């Protein structure tokens, strides 16, 4: 159902025909990069948080993680990820398919500036085996984002 919600949402922007569905999992950044044959950093992973008990999404490059100091400076509270079992009811998508398309009405969406390193990024589309290639302009339009923010740092390996 979540994939259908994302498709319906993307249809409003003429983007539903760009959705890719895979025979393999794309639930993690690594799996998505293998399914799409792209760099892990190009995967636009969508993270779910609660701010003042309200759900938000932060879309960031696949090679980034939340920088707690930057997050607290922006949202005035410590980062509190939504528990996996609560994500679907609060956001509208299950873990592994969370994306900024077709989400519940009360969810604010933020785009992290780490995405600006790329011309094309690949967010999920509501299921654990889907993604869509989007330009940043397409992502901005289709996500109905609130604002660009800087709350991430590169994942050290």
N, C-alpha and C. Protein backbone atom coordinates (compact mmCIF):
# COMPACT_ATOMS: atom_id res chain seq x y z
N UNK A 1 0.81 -1.20 0.00
CA UNK A 1 0.00 0.00 0.00
C UNK A 1 0.86 1.27 0.00
N UNK A 2 1.96 1.24 0.72
CA UNK A 2 2.83 2.39 0.83
C UNK A 2 3.43 2.78 -0.52
N UNK A 3 3.82 1.77 -1.31
CA UNK A 3 4.32 2.02 -2.66
C UNK A 3 3.24 2.71 -3.48
N UNK A 4 2.00 2.27 -3.33
CA UNK A 4 0.88 2.89 -4.07
C UNK A 4 0.70 4.35 -3.65
N UNK A 5 0.83 4.64 -2.37
CA UNK A 5 0.72 6.02 -1.89
C UNK A 5 1.82 6.89 -2.49
N UNK A 6 3.05 6.37 -2.53
CA UNK A 6 4.16 7.10 -3.12
C UNK A 6 3.91 7.33 -4.62
N UNK A 7 3.42 6.28 -5.33
CA UNK A 7 3.14 6.41 -6.76
C UNK A 7 2.08 7.48 -7.02
N UNK A 8 1.01 7.45 -6.23
CA UNK A 8 -0.07 8.44 -6.39
C UNK A 8 0.45 9.85 -6.16
N UNK A 9 1.28 9.99 -5.15
CA UNK A 9 1.87 11.29 -4.85
C UNK A 9 2.76 11.77 -6.01
N UNK A 10 3.62 10.88 -6.49
CA UNK A 10 4.56 11.25 -7.56
C UNK A 10 3.85 11.50 -8.88
N UNK A 11 2.70 10.89 -9.06
CA UNK A 11 1.91 11.10 -10.28
C UNK A 11 1.52 12.57 -10.43
N UNK A 12 1.26 13.25 -9.32
CA UNK A 12 0.89 14.68 -9.34
C UNK A 12 1.99 15.53 -9.96
N UNK A 13 3.21 15.03 -9.95
CA UNK A 13 4.37 15.77 -10.46
C UNK A 13 4.90 15.17 -11.77
N UNK A 14 4.16 14.21 -12.32
CA UNK A 14 4.57 13.56 -13.56
C UNK A 14 5.81 12.72 -13.41
N UNK A 15 6.05 12.20 -12.21
CA UNK A 15 7.28 11.45 -11.95
C UNK A 15 7.05 9.96 -11.70
N UNK A 16 5.80 9.52 -11.62
CA UNK A 16 5.51 8.13 -11.28
C UNK A 16 6.12 7.14 -12.28
N UNK A 17 6.31 7.56 -13.52
CA UNK A 17 6.88 6.67 -14.54
C UNK A 17 8.39 6.46 -14.35
N UNK A 18 9.02 7.20 -13.44
CA UNK A 18 10.45 7.05 -13.19
C UNK A 18 10.76 6.05 -12.06
N UNK A 19 9.72 5.58 -11.37
CA UNK A 19 9.93 4.65 -10.25
C UNK A 19 10.52 3.34 -10.75
N UNK A 20 11.52 2.87 -10.04
CA UNK A 20 12.15 1.58 -10.36
C UNK A 20 11.80 0.60 -9.24
N UNK A 21 11.34 -0.59 -9.64
CA UNK A 21 11.09 -1.66 -8.68
C UNK A 21 12.07 -2.79 -8.96
N UNK A 22 12.58 -3.40 -7.90
CA UNK A 22 13.63 -4.40 -8.02
C UNK A 22 13.17 -5.77 -7.54
N UNK A 23 13.85 -6.79 -8.04
CA UNK A 23 13.62 -8.16 -7.57
C UNK A 23 14.42 -8.43 -6.31
N UNK A 24 15.28 -7.49 -5.94
CA UNK A 24 16.11 -7.61 -4.74
C UNK A 24 15.76 -6.49 -3.78
N UNK A 25 16.20 -6.62 -2.54
CA UNK A 25 15.93 -5.59 -1.55
C UNK A 25 16.74 -4.32 -1.82
N UNK A 26 16.10 -3.19 -1.55
CA UNK A 26 16.80 -1.90 -1.58
C UNK A 26 16.55 -1.18 -0.25
N UNK A 27 16.32 -1.96 0.80
CA UNK A 27 15.93 -1.43 2.11
C UNK A 27 17.05 -0.67 2.82
N UNK A 28 18.29 -1.02 2.54
CA UNK A 28 19.42 -0.32 3.17
C UNK A 28 20.16 0.47 2.10
N UNK A 29 20.99 1.39 2.53
CA UNK A 29 21.78 2.18 1.59
C UNK A 29 22.64 1.26 0.73
N UNK A 30 23.30 0.29 1.36
CA UNK A 30 24.16 -0.65 0.62
C UNK A 30 23.36 -1.44 -0.41
N UNK A 31 22.22 -1.99 0.02
CA UNK A 31 21.38 -2.77 -0.92
C UNK A 31 20.85 -1.89 -2.06
N UNK A 32 20.44 -0.69 -1.74
CA UNK A 32 19.93 0.21 -2.78
C UNK A 32 21.02 0.57 -3.78
N UNK A 33 22.23 0.83 -3.30
CA UNK A 33 23.31 1.19 -4.21
C UNK A 33 23.67 0.02 -5.13
N UNK A 34 23.58 -1.21 -4.62
CA UNK A 34 23.83 -2.38 -5.45
C UNK A 34 22.71 -2.57 -6.48
N UNK A 35 21.47 -2.40 -6.05
CA UNK A 35 20.33 -2.56 -6.97
C UNK A 35 20.37 -1.50 -8.08
N UNK A 36 20.83 -0.30 -7.74
CA UNK A 36 20.85 0.81 -8.71
C UNK A 36 22.19 0.95 -9.41
N UNK A 37 23.20 0.21 -8.96
CA UNK A 37 24.54 0.31 -9.50
C UNK A 37 25.06 1.75 -9.42
N UNK A 38 24.98 2.31 -8.21
CA UNK A 38 25.46 3.67 -7.99
C UNK A 38 26.25 3.71 -6.68
N UNK A 39 26.83 4.84 -6.40
CA UNK A 39 27.58 5.07 -5.17
C UNK A 39 26.62 5.16 -3.99
N UNK A 40 27.00 4.63 -2.84
CA UNK A 40 26.15 4.70 -1.64
C UNK A 40 25.77 6.13 -1.29
N UNK A 41 26.66 7.08 -1.52
CA UNK A 41 26.39 8.48 -1.18
C UNK A 41 25.21 9.04 -1.98
N UNK A 42 24.97 8.51 -3.18
CA UNK A 42 23.89 9.00 -4.05
C UNK A 42 22.51 8.54 -3.60
N UNK A 43 22.46 7.58 -2.68
CA UNK A 43 21.17 7.13 -2.15
C UNK A 43 20.65 8.21 -1.20
N UNK A 44 19.44 8.67 -1.44
CA UNK A 44 18.83 9.69 -0.58
C UNK A 44 18.06 8.97 0.52
N UNK A 45 18.75 8.72 1.63
CA UNK A 45 18.09 7.99 2.73
C UNK A 45 17.22 8.95 3.52
N UNK A 46 16.10 8.43 3.97
CA UNK A 46 15.13 9.24 4.69
C UNK A 46 15.04 8.75 6.13
N UNK A 47 15.39 9.63 7.05
CA UNK A 47 15.42 9.30 8.47
C UNK A 47 14.21 9.90 9.18
N UNK A 48 13.65 9.16 10.13
CA UNK A 48 12.43 9.57 10.84
C UNK A 48 12.74 9.97 12.27
N UNK A 49 12.28 11.15 12.67
CA UNK A 49 12.51 11.68 14.01
C UNK A 49 11.24 12.26 14.60
N UNK A 50 11.28 12.47 15.91
CA UNK A 50 10.22 13.20 16.60
C UNK A 50 10.82 14.51 17.11
N UNK A 51 10.16 15.63 16.80
CA UNK A 51 10.55 16.94 17.30
C UNK A 51 9.31 17.51 17.99
N UNK A 52 9.44 17.75 19.28
CA UNK A 52 8.27 18.18 20.07
C UNK A 52 7.11 17.21 19.89
N UNK A 53 7.42 15.93 19.86
CA UNK A 53 6.44 14.84 19.69
C UNK A 53 5.74 14.86 18.33
N UNK A 54 6.29 15.59 17.36
CA UNK A 54 5.73 15.64 16.00
C UNK A 54 6.70 14.94 15.05
N UNK A 55 6.20 14.05 14.18
CA UNK A 55 7.10 13.34 13.27
C UNK A 55 7.66 14.25 12.17
N UNK A 56 8.94 14.08 11.91
CA UNK A 56 9.60 14.77 10.80
C UNK A 56 10.44 13.75 10.03
N UNK A 57 10.77 14.10 8.79
CA UNK A 57 11.69 13.32 7.98
C UNK A 57 12.86 14.20 7.59
N UNK A 58 14.04 13.62 7.60
CA UNK A 58 15.23 14.30 7.10
C UNK A 58 15.79 13.41 6.00
N UNK A 59 15.89 13.96 4.79
CA UNK A 59 16.45 13.23 3.65
C UNK A 59 17.90 13.67 3.52
N UNK A 60 18.80 12.69 3.52
CA UNK A 60 20.23 12.98 3.50
C UNK A 60 20.96 12.04 2.55
N UNK A 61 22.17 12.41 2.19
CA UNK A 61 23.00 11.54 1.35
C UNK A 61 23.30 10.25 2.10
N UNK A 62 23.43 9.16 1.37
CA UNK A 62 23.61 7.83 1.95
C UNK A 62 24.88 7.65 2.77
N UNK A 63 25.86 8.51 2.57
CA UNK A 63 27.12 8.39 3.32
C UNK A 63 27.17 9.33 4.52
N UNK A 64 26.01 9.80 4.96
CA UNK A 64 25.94 10.73 6.08
C UNK A 64 25.15 10.15 7.24
N UNK A 65 25.40 10.72 8.41
CA UNK A 65 24.62 10.40 9.60
C UNK A 65 24.36 11.70 10.33
N UNK A 66 23.43 11.66 11.24
CA UNK A 66 23.07 12.86 11.99
C UNK A 66 24.24 13.29 12.87
N UNK A 67 24.54 14.57 12.82
CA UNK A 67 25.51 15.19 13.71
C UNK A 67 24.69 15.75 14.87
N UNK A 68 24.82 15.14 16.05
CA UNK A 68 23.95 15.50 17.18
C UNK A 68 24.01 16.98 17.55
N UNK A 69 25.18 17.58 17.50
CA UNK A 69 25.31 18.99 17.86
C UNK A 69 24.57 19.88 16.84
N UNK A 70 24.73 19.58 15.56
CA UNK A 70 24.04 20.35 14.52
C UNK A 70 22.53 20.17 14.64
N UNK A 71 22.09 18.95 14.88
CA UNK A 71 20.67 18.64 15.02
C UNK A 71 20.08 19.43 16.18
N UNK A 72 20.76 19.38 17.33
CA UNK A 72 20.25 20.08 18.53
C UNK A 72 20.22 21.59 18.30
N UNK A 73 21.20 22.11 17.59
CA UNK A 73 21.24 23.54 17.29
C UNK A 73 20.05 23.94 16.40
N UNK A 74 19.69 23.08 15.48
CA UNK A 74 18.58 23.36 14.56
C UNK A 74 17.22 23.19 15.24
N UNK A 75 17.01 22.07 15.90
CA UNK A 75 15.69 21.73 16.43
C UNK A 75 15.52 21.99 17.93
N UNK A 76 16.57 22.46 18.59
CA UNK A 76 16.53 22.82 20.02
C UNK A 76 16.19 21.64 20.93
N UNK A 77 16.47 20.45 20.46
CA UNK A 77 16.34 19.27 21.31
C UNK A 77 17.22 18.16 20.75
N UNK A 78 17.49 17.18 21.59
CA UNK A 78 18.32 16.04 21.21
C UNK A 78 17.60 15.22 20.13
N UNK A 79 18.36 14.67 19.19
CA UNK A 79 17.78 13.83 18.13
C UNK A 79 17.12 12.60 18.75
N UNK A 80 15.86 12.39 18.39
CA UNK A 80 15.11 11.23 18.89
C UNK A 80 14.47 10.53 17.69
N UNK A 81 15.13 9.45 17.26
CA UNK A 81 14.60 8.70 16.12
C UNK A 81 13.30 8.01 16.52
N UNK A 82 12.41 7.88 15.57
CA UNK A 82 11.16 7.16 15.81
C UNK A 82 11.48 5.68 15.89
N UNK A 83 10.92 4.99 16.86
CA UNK A 83 11.14 3.55 17.01
C UNK A 83 10.59 2.83 15.77
N UNK A 84 11.30 1.80 15.33
CA UNK A 84 10.95 1.09 14.10
C UNK A 84 9.49 0.66 14.06
N UNK A 85 8.97 0.17 15.18
CA UNK A 85 7.59 -0.32 15.18
C UNK A 85 6.56 0.81 15.09
N UNK A 86 6.98 2.06 15.28
CA UNK A 86 6.08 3.21 15.21
C UNK A 86 6.17 3.96 13.89
N UNK A 87 7.18 3.69 13.09
CA UNK A 87 7.43 4.46 11.87
C UNK A 87 6.24 4.43 10.92
N UNK A 88 5.71 3.25 10.63
CA UNK A 88 4.62 3.17 9.66
C UNK A 88 3.40 3.98 10.10
N UNK A 89 3.01 3.89 11.36
CA UNK A 89 1.81 4.62 11.80
C UNK A 89 2.05 6.13 11.85
N UNK A 90 3.26 6.57 12.19
CA UNK A 90 3.54 8.00 12.30
C UNK A 90 3.91 8.65 10.96
N UNK A 91 4.56 7.90 10.10
CA UNK A 91 5.05 8.45 8.83
C UNK A 91 4.17 8.04 7.65
N UNK A 92 3.77 6.77 7.61
CA UNK A 92 2.98 6.28 6.49
C UNK A 92 3.71 5.25 5.64
N UNK A 93 4.96 4.99 5.96
CA UNK A 93 5.76 3.98 5.26
C UNK A 93 6.47 3.12 6.30
N UNK A 94 6.75 1.87 5.92
CA UNK A 94 7.51 0.98 6.79
C UNK A 94 9.00 1.27 6.67
N UNK A 95 9.75 0.91 7.71
CA UNK A 95 11.21 1.00 7.68
C UNK A 95 11.70 0.20 6.47
N UNK A 96 12.64 0.76 5.74
CA UNK A 96 13.16 0.12 4.53
C UNK A 96 12.54 0.72 3.28
N UNK A 97 11.42 1.42 3.43
CA UNK A 97 10.77 2.07 2.29
C UNK A 97 10.41 3.51 2.58
N UNK A 98 10.87 4.02 3.73
CA UNK A 98 10.52 5.40 4.10
C UNK A 98 11.07 6.36 3.06
N UNK A 99 10.21 7.25 2.63
CA UNK A 99 10.56 8.24 1.62
C UNK A 99 9.73 9.50 1.86
N UNK A 100 10.06 10.60 1.19
CA UNK A 100 9.32 11.84 1.40
C UNK A 100 8.08 11.98 0.52
N UNK A 101 7.57 10.89 -0.02
CA UNK A 101 6.42 10.95 -0.94
C UNK A 101 5.26 10.14 -0.38
N UNK A 102 4.07 10.73 -0.36
CA UNK A 102 2.89 10.01 0.09
C UNK A 102 2.90 9.74 1.58
N UNK A 103 3.47 10.66 2.35
CA UNK A 103 3.52 10.49 3.80
C UNK A 103 2.26 11.07 4.46
N UNK A 104 2.11 10.80 5.74
CA UNK A 104 0.99 11.35 6.49
C UNK A 104 1.03 12.88 6.45
N UNK A 105 -0.13 13.50 6.54
CA UNK A 105 -0.25 14.96 6.38
C UNK A 105 0.52 15.79 7.40
N UNK A 106 0.72 15.29 8.60
CA UNK A 106 1.35 16.09 9.65
C UNK A 106 2.87 15.94 9.72
N UNK A 107 3.48 15.38 8.69
CA UNK A 107 4.92 15.12 8.69
C UNK A 107 5.65 16.24 7.93
N UNK A 108 6.55 16.93 8.62
CA UNK A 108 7.39 17.94 7.96
C UNK A 108 8.61 17.25 7.37
N UNK A 109 9.02 17.71 6.19
CA UNK A 109 10.14 17.10 5.48
C UNK A 109 11.25 18.13 5.31
N UNK A 110 12.47 17.71 5.65
CA UNK A 110 13.64 18.55 5.52
C UNK A 110 14.64 17.85 4.60
N UNK A 111 15.37 18.63 3.81
CA UNK A 111 16.41 18.10 2.94
C UNK A 111 17.75 18.57 3.47
N UNK A 112 18.66 17.63 3.71
CA UNK A 112 19.98 17.98 4.21
C UNK A 112 20.86 18.43 3.04
N UNK A 113 21.69 19.43 3.30
CA UNK A 113 22.53 19.99 2.23
C UNK A 113 23.51 18.98 1.64
N UNK A 114 23.73 17.86 2.30
CA UNK A 114 24.62 16.83 1.76
C UNK A 114 24.14 16.32 0.40
N UNK A 115 22.85 16.43 0.13
CA UNK A 115 22.30 16.00 -1.17
C UNK A 115 22.78 16.90 -2.30
N UNK A 116 23.18 18.11 -1.97
CA UNK A 116 23.59 19.08 -3.00
C UNK A 116 24.92 18.70 -3.66
N UNK A 117 25.57 17.65 -3.17
CA UNK A 117 26.80 17.16 -3.80
C UNK A 117 26.52 16.42 -5.10
N UNK A 118 25.25 16.15 -5.40
CA UNK A 118 24.90 15.27 -6.52
C UNK A 118 23.87 15.93 -7.45
N UNK A 119 23.96 15.55 -8.73
CA UNK A 119 22.97 16.01 -9.71
C UNK A 119 21.71 15.17 -9.63
N UNK A 120 21.90 13.86 -9.40
CA UNK A 120 20.78 12.91 -9.30
C UNK A 120 20.93 12.15 -7.97
N UNK A 121 19.81 12.01 -7.27
CA UNK A 121 19.80 11.21 -6.04
C UNK A 121 18.68 10.17 -6.15
N UNK A 122 18.74 9.16 -5.30
CA UNK A 122 17.83 8.01 -5.40
C UNK A 122 17.11 7.74 -4.07
N UNK A 123 15.99 8.41 -3.82
CA UNK A 123 15.20 8.06 -2.64
C UNK A 123 14.37 6.81 -2.88
N UNK A 124 13.95 6.17 -1.79
CA UNK A 124 13.03 5.04 -1.88
C UNK A 124 11.66 5.54 -2.33
N UNK A 125 10.77 4.59 -2.57
CA UNK A 125 9.41 4.94 -3.01
C UNK A 125 8.34 4.18 -2.22
N UNK A 126 8.55 4.02 -0.93
CA UNK A 126 7.52 3.45 -0.10
C UNK A 126 7.57 1.95 0.11
N UNK A 127 8.53 1.28 -0.53
CA UNK A 127 8.68 -0.16 -0.32
C UNK A 127 10.16 -0.49 -0.18
N UNK A 128 10.46 -1.70 0.25
CA UNK A 128 11.85 -2.10 0.47
C UNK A 128 12.52 -2.62 -0.80
N UNK A 129 11.86 -2.41 -1.95
CA UNK A 129 12.48 -2.80 -3.23
C UNK A 129 12.15 -1.79 -4.33
N UNK A 130 12.19 -0.50 -3.97
CA UNK A 130 11.90 0.54 -4.97
C UNK A 130 12.77 1.76 -4.74
N UNK A 131 12.93 2.55 -5.79
CA UNK A 131 13.67 3.81 -5.72
C UNK A 131 13.28 4.64 -6.93
N UNK A 132 13.69 5.90 -6.92
CA UNK A 132 13.41 6.77 -8.05
C UNK A 132 14.59 7.72 -8.25
N UNK A 133 15.09 7.84 -9.48
CA UNK A 133 16.16 8.81 -9.75
C UNK A 133 15.54 10.20 -9.91
N UNK A 134 16.02 11.16 -9.13
CA UNK A 134 15.47 12.51 -9.18
C UNK A 134 16.58 13.55 -9.19
N UNK A 135 16.35 14.64 -9.92
CA UNK A 135 17.22 15.80 -9.79
C UNK A 135 16.85 16.47 -8.48
N UNK A 136 17.70 17.35 -8.00
CA UNK A 136 17.37 18.05 -6.76
C UNK A 136 16.11 18.90 -6.92
N UNK A 137 15.93 19.50 -8.09
CA UNK A 137 14.72 20.29 -8.34
C UNK A 137 13.48 19.40 -8.27
N UNK A 138 13.54 18.21 -8.86
CA UNK A 138 12.41 17.27 -8.79
C UNK A 138 12.16 16.84 -7.35
N UNK A 139 13.24 16.58 -6.60
CA UNK A 139 13.10 16.18 -5.20
C UNK A 139 12.45 17.31 -4.39
N UNK A 140 12.90 18.53 -4.61
CA UNK A 140 12.32 19.67 -3.91
C UNK A 140 10.81 19.76 -4.18
N UNK A 141 10.44 19.70 -5.44
CA UNK A 141 9.03 19.83 -5.81
C UNK A 141 8.19 18.68 -5.26
N UNK A 142 8.64 17.46 -5.48
CA UNK A 142 7.84 16.28 -5.13
C UNK A 142 7.80 16.00 -3.63
N UNK A 143 8.80 16.48 -2.88
CA UNK A 143 8.83 16.19 -1.45
C UNK A 143 8.04 17.20 -0.63
N UNK A 144 7.70 18.32 -1.23
CA UNK A 144 7.04 19.39 -0.48
C UNK A 144 7.84 19.73 0.79
N UNK A 145 9.14 19.80 0.61
CA UNK A 145 10.04 20.01 1.75
C UNK A 145 9.82 21.37 2.40
N UNK A 146 10.15 21.43 3.67
CA UNK A 146 10.00 22.66 4.44
C UNK A 146 11.20 23.57 4.22
N UNK A 147 12.41 22.98 4.32
CA UNK A 147 13.62 23.78 4.09
C UNK A 147 14.85 22.88 3.96
N UNK A 148 15.91 23.47 3.39
CA UNK A 148 17.22 22.82 3.37
C UNK A 148 17.85 23.06 4.73
N UNK A 149 18.47 22.03 5.29
CA UNK A 149 19.12 22.15 6.59
C UNK A 149 20.51 21.51 6.53
N UNK A 150 21.32 21.77 7.54
CA UNK A 150 22.65 21.19 7.65
C UNK A 150 22.77 20.52 9.02
N UNK A 151 22.42 19.22 9.07
CA UNK A 151 22.43 18.50 10.35
C UNK A 151 23.20 17.17 10.28
N UNK A 152 24.00 16.98 9.25
CA UNK A 152 24.67 15.69 9.08
C UNK A 152 26.18 15.82 9.00
N UNK A 153 26.83 14.67 9.15
CA UNK A 153 28.28 14.56 8.97
C UNK A 153 28.56 13.28 8.23
N UNK A 154 29.74 13.18 7.64
CA UNK A 154 30.12 12.00 6.87
C UNK A 154 30.33 10.82 7.83
N UNK A 155 29.87 9.66 7.42
CA UNK A 155 30.05 8.43 8.20
C UNK A 155 31.51 8.00 8.06
N UNK A 156 32.17 7.87 9.17
CA UNK A 156 33.58 7.41 9.16
C UNK A 156 33.59 5.90 9.05
N UNK A 157 34.42 5.37 8.16
CA UNK A 157 34.50 3.90 8.00
C UNK A 157 35.77 3.36 8.56
